[in-house]
Amino acid sequence: MQRKIVAFHQDKENHWVADLECGHGQHRRHNPPLIEREWVLSAEGRQPFIGTELNCKKCDEEFAD
């Protein structure tokens, strides 16, 4: 289910998590060379992604039951 990003926060390990409008979160890690998301490292980089939709797997699971 598509849900909009409303904010970002860091988890206990300092990885960035997108906060979704449904209340769930989804990691947006910059972990080279496996994942290149350098934009997540700065507030200026994250800002344009506010409002972007991500597929929320937790919502998909909840509505599948």
Protein backbone atom coordinates (compact mmCIF):
# COMPACT_ATOMS: atom_id res chain seq x y z
CA MET A 1 0.00 0.00 0.00
CA GLN A 2 1.44 3.37 -0.99
CA ARG A 3 2.02 5.75 1.93
CA LYS A 4 3.60 9.22 1.96
CA ILE A 5 6.78 10.09 3.84
CA VAL A 6 5.95 12.70 6.50
CA ALA A 7 9.33 12.95 8.27
CA PHE A 8 12.63 11.19 8.97
CA HIS A 9 14.33 10.08 12.17
CA GLN A 10 17.41 8.09 13.13
CA ASP A 11 17.20 4.69 14.80
CA LYS A 12 19.46 3.45 17.64
CA GLU A 13 22.20 2.64 15.15
CA ASN A 14 21.97 6.10 13.52
CA HIS A 15 20.39 4.75 10.34
CA TRP A 16 17.78 7.00 8.75
CA VAL A 17 14.15 5.88 8.84
CA ALA A 18 11.35 7.40 6.77
CA ASP A 19 8.25 8.02 8.91
CA LEU A 20 5.17 7.16 6.87
CA GLU A 21 1.71 8.73 7.19
CA CYS A 22 0.33 5.42 8.46
CA GLY A 23 2.64 5.50 11.47
CA HIS A 24 5.02 2.83 10.19
CA GLY A 25 8.68 3.41 9.35
CA GLN A 26 10.97 2.30 6.57
CA HIS A 27 14.77 2.44 6.58
CA ARG A 28 16.44 4.60 3.95
CA ARG A 29 20.05 3.61 4.49
CA HIS A 30 23.17 4.92 2.80
CA ASN A 31 25.35 1.81 2.93
CA PRO A 32 27.88 1.86 0.10
CA PRO A 33 28.62 -0.10 -1.99
CA LEU A 34 25.37 -2.02 -1.47
CA ILE A 35 22.99 0.93 -1.25
CA GLU A 36 23.78 4.45 -2.51
CA ARG A 37 21.50 6.98 -0.82
CA GLU A 38 23.86 9.83 -0.09
CA TRP A 39 20.88 12.24 -0.11
CA VAL A 40 19.70 10.85 3.24
CA LEU A 41 22.79 12.16 5.04
CA SER A 42 21.70 15.83 5.05
CA ALA A 43 18.50 17.68 5.93
CA GLU A 44 18.66 19.37 2.52
CA GLY A 45 18.89 15.97 0.82
CA ARG A 46 15.97 14.47 2.76
CA GLN A 47 13.60 17.43 2.39
CA PRO A 48 12.63 16.81 -1.27
CA PHE A 49 11.51 13.28 -0.34
CA ILE A 50 8.86 14.49 2.12
CA GLY A 51 5.57 13.59 0.42
CA THR A 52 7.12 10.85 -1.71
CA GLU A 53 5.19 7.60 -1.59
CA LEU A 54 6.72 4.29 -0.55
CA ASN A 55 5.12 0.88 -0.50
CA CYS A 56 4.42 0.06 3.17
CA LYS A 57 4.83 -3.68 3.57
CA LYS A 58 3.39 -3.57 7.10
CA CYS A 59 0.15 -2.02 5.79
CA ASP A 60 0.03 -4.62 3.03
CA GLU A 61 0.30 -7.37 5.66
CA GLU A 62 -2.37 -5.80 7.89
CA PHE A 63 -4.89 -5.48 5.06
CA ALA A 64 -4.16 -8.97 3.70
CA ASP A 65 -5.54 -10.63 6.84
